Protein backbone atom coordinates (compact mmCIF):
# COMPACT_ATOMS: atom_id res chain seq x y z
CA MET A 1 26.06 -0.06 -20.44
CA LYS A 2 23.38 2.32 -21.72
CA THR A 3 20.65 0.29 -20.02
CA GLU A 4 22.46 0.37 -16.68
CA LYS A 5 22.70 4.18 -16.84
CA THR A 6 19.00 4.37 -17.70
CA PHE A 7 18.17 2.18 -14.68
CA LYS A 8 20.32 4.40 -12.44
CA ILE A 9 18.45 7.47 -13.70
CA PHE A 10 15.09 5.75 -13.08
CA HIS A 11 16.34 4.73 -9.63
CA ILE A 12 17.00 8.38 -8.78
CA ILE A 13 13.64 9.42 -10.25
CA ALA A 14 11.85 6.76 -8.18
CA TRP A 15 13.48 8.14 -5.03
CA LEU A 16 12.52 11.70 -5.95
CA VAL A 17 8.93 10.61 -6.59
CA CYS A 18 8.86 8.77 -3.25
CA ILE A 19 10.15 11.81 -1.36
CA GLY A 20 7.79 14.17 -3.20
CA ILE A 21 4.76 12.05 -2.41
CA LEU A 22 5.82 11.75 1.24
CA VAL A 23 6.09 15.54 1.44
CA ASN A 24 2.56 15.83 0.02
CA ALA A 25 1.26 13.25 2.51
CA GLY A 26 2.93 15.16 5.33
CA GLY A 27 1.27 18.35 4.11
CA VAL A 28 -2.15 16.70 4.15
CA ILE A 29 -1.60 15.30 7.65
CA ILE A 30 -0.35 18.60 9.06
CA THR A 31 -3.17 20.58 7.44
CA TYR A 32 -5.70 18.09 8.77
CA LEU A 33 -4.31 18.39 12.30
CA VAL A 34 -4.43 22.19 12.04
CA SER A 35 -8.00 22.00 10.70
CA VAL A 36 -9.15 20.11 13.80
CA LYS A 37 -8.76 23.36 15.76
CA ASN A 38 -9.15 25.79 12.86
CA PRO A 39 -11.80 24.75 10.28
CA GLU A 40 -10.56 27.45 7.87
CA ALA A 41 -7.52 25.24 7.13
CA SER A 42 -9.82 22.73 5.42
CA LYS A 43 -10.41 25.28 2.63
CA ASP A 44 -6.99 24.47 1.14
CA LEU A 45 -6.20 20.99 2.38
CA TYR A 46 -4.15 19.67 -0.50
CA LYS A 47 -3.36 21.18 -3.88
CA GLY A 48 -6.36 23.48 -3.68
CA MET A 49 -8.86 20.85 -2.48
CA ASN A 50 -11.54 22.63 -0.52
CA PHE A 51 -13.25 20.42 2.06
CA TYR A 52 -14.63 23.28 4.13
CA SER A 53 -18.30 22.58 3.39
CA LEU A 54 -17.77 18.87 4.09
CA TYR A 55 -16.00 19.75 7.35
CA LEU A 56 -18.93 21.93 8.42
CA SER A 57 -21.57 19.34 7.51
CA SER A 58 -19.81 16.27 8.93
CA PHE A 59 -16.42 16.10 10.59
CA GLY A 60 -16.60 12.29 10.40
CA HIS A 61 -16.97 12.27 6.61
CA TYR A 62 -14.28 14.93 6.33
CA SER A 63 -11.90 12.83 8.43
CA ALA A 64 -12.64 9.71 6.39
CA ILE A 65 -11.89 11.49 3.09
CA VAL A 66 -8.64 12.86 4.50
CA ILE A 67 -7.69 9.39 5.73
CA TYR A 68 -8.34 7.94 2.24
CA LYS A 69 -6.23 10.65 0.62
CA THR A 70 -3.42 10.13 3.14
CA LEU A 71 -3.45 6.35 2.73
CA LEU A 72 -3.39 6.69 -1.04
CA LEU A 73 -0.42 9.04 -0.90
CA LEU A 74 1.48 6.84 1.57
CA LEU A 75 0.86 3.73 -0.53
CA GLN A 76 1.97 5.54 -3.68
CA ALA A 77 5.16 6.55 -1.87
CA TYR A 78 5.64 2.93 -0.79
CA VAL A 79 5.25 1.75 -4.40
CA ALA A 80 7.83 4.35 -5.49
CA PHE A 81 10.15 3.08 -2.72
CA LEU A 82 9.66 -0.50 -3.90
CA MET A 83 10.41 0.59 -7.47
CA ALA A 84 13.62 2.29 -6.31
CA THR A 85 14.59 -0.89 -4.46
CA PHE A 86 13.68 -2.98 -7.52
CA LEU A 87 15.86 -0.85 -9.79
CA LYS A 88 18.76 -0.99 -7.31
CA THR A 89 18.46 -4.77 -6.83
CA LEU A 90 17.97 -5.76 -10.46
CA ASN A 91 21.03 -7.43 -11.93
CA LEU A 92 20.81 -7.39 -15.73
CA LYS A 93 23.30 -10.23 -16.05
CA GLN A 94 21.06 -12.51 -14.01
CA PRO A 95 17.66 -10.79 -13.68
CA PHE A 96 15.66 -13.75 -12.41
CA SER A 97 16.08 -13.89 -8.64
CA PHE A 98 13.84 -14.47 -5.66
CA ASN A 99 14.52 -10.92 -4.39
CA ILE A 100 13.20 -9.43 -7.64
CA LEU A 101 10.20 -11.77 -7.59
CA THR A 102 9.42 -10.76 -4.00
CA LEU A 103 9.66 -7.06 -4.88
CA LEU A 104 7.35 -7.52 -7.88
CA LYS A 105 4.81 -9.31 -5.69
CA LYS A 106 4.95 -6.52 -3.10
CA ILE A 107 4.49 -3.90 -5.82
CA ASN A 108 1.53 -5.84 -7.24
CA HIS A 109 -0.14 -6.24 -3.84
CA SER A 110 0.43 -2.58 -2.97
CA ILE A 111 -1.13 -1.44 -6.23
CA LEU A 112 -4.13 -3.72 -5.63
CA ILE A 113 -4.55 -2.19 -2.17
CA LEU A 114 -4.28 1.27 -3.77
CA TRP A 115 -7.09 0.33 -6.13
CA GLY A 116 -9.21 -0.92 -3.22
CA ILE A 117 -8.75 2.28 -1.23
CA ALA A 118 -9.48 4.38 -4.34
CA LEU A 119 -12.65 2.35 -4.90
CA ILE A 120 -13.81 2.85 -1.29
CA HIS A 121 -12.96 6.56 -1.57
CA ASN A 122 -14.99 6.89 -4.77
CA VAL A 123 -17.99 5.03 -3.34
CA HIS A 124 -17.91 7.25 -0.25
CA LEU A 125 -17.72 10.42 -2.36
CA THR A 126 -20.54 9.22 -4.63
CA PHE A 127 -22.63 8.61 -1.51
CA LEU A 128 -21.87 12.14 -0.30
CA GLU A 129 -22.81 13.57 -3.71
CA LYS A 130 -26.18 11.82 -3.64
CA THR A 131 -27.05 12.48 -0.01
CA GLN A 132 -25.49 15.89 0.66
CA GLY A 133 -24.95 17.35 -2.80
CA TYR A 134 -21.20 17.48 -2.23
CA ILE A 135 -19.38 17.83 -5.57
CA SER A 136 -16.03 16.09 -5.71
CA VAL A 137 -13.37 14.63 -7.97
CA LEU A 138 -13.17 10.86 -8.08
CA ILE A 139 -9.85 9.00 -8.20
CA SER A 140 -9.07 7.05 -11.35
CA SER A 141 -9.32 3.26 -11.14
CA ASP A 142 -6.43 2.65 -13.52
CA PHE A 143 -4.60 0.88 -10.71
CA VAL A 144 -6.26 -2.39 -11.75
CA LEU A 145 -4.68 -2.29 -15.20
CA LEU A 146 -1.27 -1.48 -13.75
CA SER A 147 -1.64 -4.29 -11.24
CA GLY A 148 -2.48 -6.68 -14.07
CA VAL A 149 0.67 -5.69 -15.95
CA ILE A 150 2.79 -6.17 -12.81
CA PHE A 151 1.13 -9.55 -12.23
CA ILE A 152 2.07 -10.64 -15.76
CA LEU A 153 5.67 -9.50 -15.18
CA THR A 154 5.73 -11.37 -11.87
CA THR A 155 4.53 -14.54 -13.60
CA ILE A 156 7.24 -14.16 -16.27
CA PHE A 157 9.93 -13.66 -13.62
CA LYS A 158 8.66 -16.66 -11.67
CA ARG A 159 8.90 -18.82 -14.79
CA GLY A 160 12.37 -17.39 -15.50
CA ILE A 161 13.52 -18.45 -12.03
CA GLU A 162 12.13 -21.95 -12.61
CA LEU A 163 13.96 -22.25 -15.94
CA GLN A 164 17.14 -20.89 -14.41
CA GLN A 165 16.98 -23.50 -11.62
CA GLU A 166 16.36 -26.29 -14.16
CA ASN A 167 19.43 -25.17 -16.15
CA GLU A 168 21.56 -25.16 -12.97
CA LEU A 169 20.46 -28.71 -12.22
CA THR A 170 21.33 -30.00 -15.69
CA VAL A 171 24.84 -28.51 -15.71
């Protein structure tokens, strides 16, 4: 019973995280759209990030960086949504199901895509640092480790489903 309450609390937290990240993504998108007409808005794009000098030197690079940030936020919100769905769907009495396996695979793939976008973002920013002297903060690449952990869990759940099906056949 204690575990079920903990899962319900995590379910609520996952939804709150999803909504919070979506609000942040919306803020970035709205600020970007405002900055198209008013470059001053790029001085405080997102949580104090100042892209004003990048905007003035190259609107294309500025737009690309904003697109990376927006995609990262939207994918993070999607992962939080998948986690909320996972926690709602998980049945502790019979945890090994195809729905859970599918959700774990989606979470794993989404995190791998997050890592790929973060990698592209970091390469682009490193290029801007070397060519234009733009100083920036790179995004952590810890997504690969998290994806590996989710992959291991997915493999365990897949094997659990196989064993469960074998037991159903023998009964």
